[in-house]
């Protein structure tokens, strides 16, 4: 990965560089799936966390759980979830905008005082496209996208996954960025594009 490749992964549509990784152990919870899929999703999160050299925990002392993944059929369902509007600002108008845009997924991050990821809410509207994806591929993709504050364009044209024969794997260059991002020497958050140089130097 060149520095420009890495920089593009964290640069938004307005040209702003924003990097953040988790500053605390992940505590995931999944809503709206059967037990088999639940195990697949949690297994994918565990695999990506292990790749990063980060940690998981049984509970978050402040929030209880800090990675919430919702599977549902229609955006209109979300405002009906008890207390969710307390955690997601302007939840009703947000869902209306996402429905109008035909979106099938959305991630909302919260950050601590240092800018590190404090919590992540993942919303997946199971339209025809997402429903057609194998559960393993969907779970691994969402785990990757929840692990860092990627640009919304990072995986717009290419999946973070690939196949090695019959095995589904994380693309090696993306895996290398995740590992580099969790180097304890590096800060948990950065807004200067020069941070991409430091990440790229660790992706070899």
Protein backbone atom coordinates (compact mmCIF):
# COMPACT_ATOMS: atom_id res chain seq x y z
CA UNK A 1 0.00 0.00 0.00
CA UNK A 2 1.40 3.39 -0.99
CA UNK A 3 0.80 6.44 1.23
CA UNK A 4 -1.70 7.77 -1.30
CA UNK A 5 -3.56 4.44 -1.29
CA UNK A 6 -3.83 4.54 2.48
CA UNK A 7 -4.78 8.22 2.53
CA UNK A 8 -7.66 7.56 0.14
CA UNK A 9 -9.13 4.99 2.56
CA UNK A 10 -9.64 7.68 5.20
CA UNK A 11 -10.42 10.76 3.09
CA UNK A 12 -14.06 11.72 2.76
CA UNK A 13 -15.89 13.18 -0.24
CA UNK A 14 -15.02 16.70 0.89
CA UNK A 15 -11.32 15.95 1.01
CA UNK A 16 -10.98 15.73 4.80
CA UNK A 17 -8.67 13.09 6.27
CA UNK A 18 -10.20 11.43 9.33
CA UNK A 19 -8.65 8.39 10.99
CA UNK A 20 -9.82 6.71 14.18
CA UNK A 21 -9.51 3.28 15.75
CA UNK A 22 -11.16 1.79 18.81
CA UNK A 23 -9.80 3.07 22.10
CA UNK A 24 -11.43 0.38 24.23
CA UNK A 25 -12.24 -3.36 23.97
CA UNK A 26 -15.17 -4.22 21.71
CA UNK A 27 -18.37 -5.57 23.24
CA UNK A 28 -20.73 -6.53 20.39
CA UNK A 29 -24.43 -7.30 20.41
CA UNK A 30 -26.51 -8.32 17.38
CA UNK A 31 -30.24 -7.79 16.87
CA UNK A 32 -32.65 -9.31 14.36
CA UNK A 33 -30.91 -12.57 13.42
CA UNK A 34 -31.18 -16.25 14.26
CA UNK A 35 -28.67 -18.03 16.49
CA UNK A 36 -26.63 -19.42 13.58
CA UNK A 37 -26.16 -15.99 12.04
CA UNK A 38 -25.45 -14.48 15.45
CA UNK A 39 -22.52 -16.87 15.89
CA UNK A 40 -21.25 -16.01 12.39
CA UNK A 41 -21.34 -12.26 13.06
CA UNK A 42 -19.65 -12.50 16.45
CA UNK A 43 -17.05 -14.87 15.00
CA UNK A 44 -16.25 -12.35 12.26
CA UNK A 45 -15.83 -9.55 14.80
CA UNK A 46 -13.56 -11.75 16.91
CA UNK A 47 -11.43 -12.61 13.86
CA UNK A 48 -10.92 -8.98 12.82
CA UNK A 49 -10.21 -7.88 16.39
CA UNK A 50 -7.59 -10.64 16.67
CA UNK A 51 -6.06 -9.55 13.36
CA UNK A 52 -5.73 -6.01 14.71
CA UNK A 53 -4.16 -7.22 17.94
CA UNK A 54 -6.95 -5.46 19.81
CA UNK A 55 -9.25 -6.83 22.52
CA UNK A 56 -12.83 -7.83 23.23
CA UNK A 57 -14.59 -7.85 26.58
CA UNK A 58 -17.74 -9.16 28.23
CA UNK A 59 -19.01 -5.69 29.06
CA UNK A 60 -18.15 -2.04 28.60
CA UNK A 61 -18.01 -0.32 32.02
CA UNK A 62 -19.55 2.85 30.61
CA UNK A 63 -21.99 1.64 27.94
CA UNK A 64 -22.52 -2.06 28.64
CA UNK A 65 -22.19 -2.86 24.93
CA UNK A 66 -20.44 -0.62 22.40
CA UNK A 67 -20.87 -2.32 19.01
CA UNK A 68 -24.54 -2.71 18.14
CA UNK A 69 -25.47 -4.40 14.86
CA UNK A 70 -29.11 -4.27 13.72
CA UNK A 71 -30.60 -6.40 10.92
CA UNK A 72 -34.05 -5.33 9.70
CA UNK A 73 -36.30 -5.06 6.64
CA UNK A 74 -37.32 -1.40 6.51
CA UNK A 75 -35.89 1.87 7.81
CA UNK A 76 -39.28 2.66 9.35
CA UNK A 77 -38.65 -0.06 11.94
CA UNK A 78 -35.71 1.69 13.62
CA UNK A 79 -37.50 4.65 15.23
CA UNK A 80 -39.74 2.09 16.96
CA UNK A 81 -36.77 0.49 18.78
CA UNK A 82 -37.01 1.58 22.45
CA UNK A 83 -34.44 4.21 23.49
CA UNK A 84 -32.53 4.04 20.21
CA UNK A 85 -33.38 7.67 19.53
CA UNK A 86 -31.42 8.57 22.68
CA UNK A 87 -28.26 7.14 21.15
CA UNK A 88 -28.68 8.25 17.52
CA UNK A 89 -29.30 11.98 17.00
CA UNK A 90 -32.36 12.81 14.87
CA UNK A 91 -33.09 9.13 14.27
CA UNK A 92 -36.46 9.70 12.59
CA UNK A 93 -35.26 12.22 9.97
CA UNK A 94 -32.11 10.14 9.42
CA UNK A 95 -34.15 7.02 8.63
CA UNK A 96 -36.38 9.02 6.30
CA UNK A 97 -33.32 10.26 4.38
CA UNK A 98 -31.83 6.77 4.18
CA UNK A 99 -35.13 5.33 2.96
CA UNK A 100 -35.45 8.03 0.31
CA UNK A 101 -31.90 7.31 -0.87
CA UNK A 102 -32.57 3.56 -1.05
CA UNK A 103 -29.67 2.90 1.34
CA UNK A 104 -29.20 -0.61 2.65
CA UNK A 105 -26.64 0.16 5.37
CA UNK A 106 -25.46 2.91 7.67
CA UNK A 107 -22.84 3.19 10.43
CA UNK A 108 -22.86 5.75 13.21
CA UNK A 109 -19.71 6.19 15.31
CA UNK A 110 -19.28 7.88 18.66
CA UNK A 111 -15.89 9.04 19.92
CA UNK A 112 -14.16 9.68 23.22
CA UNK A 113 -12.34 12.85 24.27
CA UNK A 114 -9.17 11.76 22.44
CA UNK A 115 -11.04 11.07 19.21
CA UNK A 116 -10.84 7.26 19.46
CA UNK A 117 -13.92 5.17 18.62
CA UNK A 118 -16.10 4.76 21.70
CA UNK A 119 -19.12 3.06 20.12
CA UNK A 120 -20.43 2.00 16.72
CA UNK A 121 -24.00 1.38 15.58
CA UNK A 122 -24.40 -0.67 12.40
CA UNK A 123 -27.75 -0.69 10.59
CA UNK A 124 -28.36 -3.22 7.82
CA UNK A 125 -31.58 -3.11 5.81
CA UNK A 126 -31.78 -6.58 4.33
CA UNK A 127 -32.73 -5.74 0.75
CA UNK A 128 -32.25 -8.13 -2.17
CA UNK A 129 -28.55 -7.33 -2.45
CA UNK A 130 -27.62 -7.90 1.20
CA UNK A 131 -29.95 -10.90 1.47
CA UNK A 132 -28.15 -12.54 -1.44
CA UNK A 133 -24.76 -12.28 0.26
CA UNK A 134 -23.51 -15.34 2.15
CA UNK A 135 -23.78 -14.72 5.90
CA UNK A 136 -20.02 -15.15 6.31
CA UNK A 137 -19.25 -12.49 3.69
CA UNK A 138 -21.77 -10.02 5.10
CA UNK A 139 -20.54 -10.52 8.66
CA UNK A 140 -16.85 -10.18 7.78
CA UNK A 141 -17.47 -7.08 5.66
CA UNK A 142 -19.34 -5.37 8.48
CA UNK A 143 -16.69 -6.33 11.03
CA UNK A 144 -14.00 -4.76 8.86
CA UNK A 145 -16.00 -1.58 8.28
CA UNK A 146 -16.68 -1.21 12.01
CA UNK A 147 -13.04 -1.61 13.04
CA UNK A 148 -11.82 1.76 11.75
CA UNK A 149 -13.31 5.07 10.66
CA UNK A 150 -12.97 4.34 6.94
CA UNK A 151 -14.04 6.84 4.31
CA UNK A 152 -17.52 6.20 2.94
CA UNK A 153 -15.78 5.70 -0.42
CA UNK A 154 -13.18 3.20 0.83
CA UNK A 155 -15.10 0.13 -0.32
CA UNK A 156 -17.58 1.71 -2.72
CA UNK A 157 -15.98 0.11 -5.78
CA UNK A 158 -14.26 -2.96 -4.35
CA UNK A 159 -15.03 -5.27 -1.46
CA UNK A 160 -12.54 -5.63 1.39
CA UNK A 161 -12.87 -9.38 0.86
CA UNK A 162 -11.47 -11.83 -1.69
CA UNK A 163 -11.57 -15.56 -2.35
CA UNK A 164 -8.61 -17.88 -2.12
CA UNK A 165 -10.00 -20.99 -3.77
CA UNK A 166 -13.11 -21.84 -1.76
CA UNK A 167 -12.05 -19.77 1.24
CA UNK A 168 -13.30 -16.25 1.89
CA UNK A 169 -10.47 -14.02 3.12
CA UNK A 170 -9.77 -10.40 3.90
CA UNK A 171 -7.77 -8.76 1.12
CA UNK A 172 -4.12 -8.78 2.27
CA UNK A 173 -3.63 -5.05 1.71
CA UNK A 174 -6.69 -4.21 3.83
CA UNK A 175 -5.57 -6.63 6.53
CA UNK A 176 -2.19 -4.91 6.58
CA UNK A 177 -3.81 -1.49 7.07
CA UNK A 178 -5.89 -2.78 9.99
CA UNK A 179 -2.82 -4.26 11.66
CA UNK A 180 -0.87 -1.04 11.10
CA UNK A 181 -3.71 1.10 12.44
CA UNK A 182 -3.59 -0.67 15.79
CA UNK A 183 0.15 -0.27 16.29
CA UNK A 184 0.27 1.00 19.90
CA UNK A 185 2.96 3.50 18.94
CA UNK A 186 0.49 5.36 16.72
CA UNK A 187 -2.25 7.68 18.00
CA UNK A 188 -5.81 6.38 18.15
CA UNK A 189 -7.08 9.29 16.03
CA UNK A 190 -5.61 11.69 13.46
CA UNK A 191 -6.83 14.38 11.09
CA UNK A 192 -3.53 15.14 9.36
CA UNK A 193 -2.96 13.28 6.07
CA UNK A 194 0.65 12.70 7.11
CA UNK A 195 -0.72 9.91 9.31
CA UNK A 196 -1.17 7.91 6.11
CA UNK A 197 2.63 7.92 5.71
CA UNK A 198 3.03 6.33 9.11
CA UNK A 199 0.39 3.71 8.35
CA UNK A 200 1.83 2.90 4.93
CA UNK A 201 5.29 2.42 6.42
CA UNK A 202 3.84 -0.36 8.61
CA UNK A 203 1.91 -2.23 5.92
CA UNK A 204 4.90 -3.99 4.37
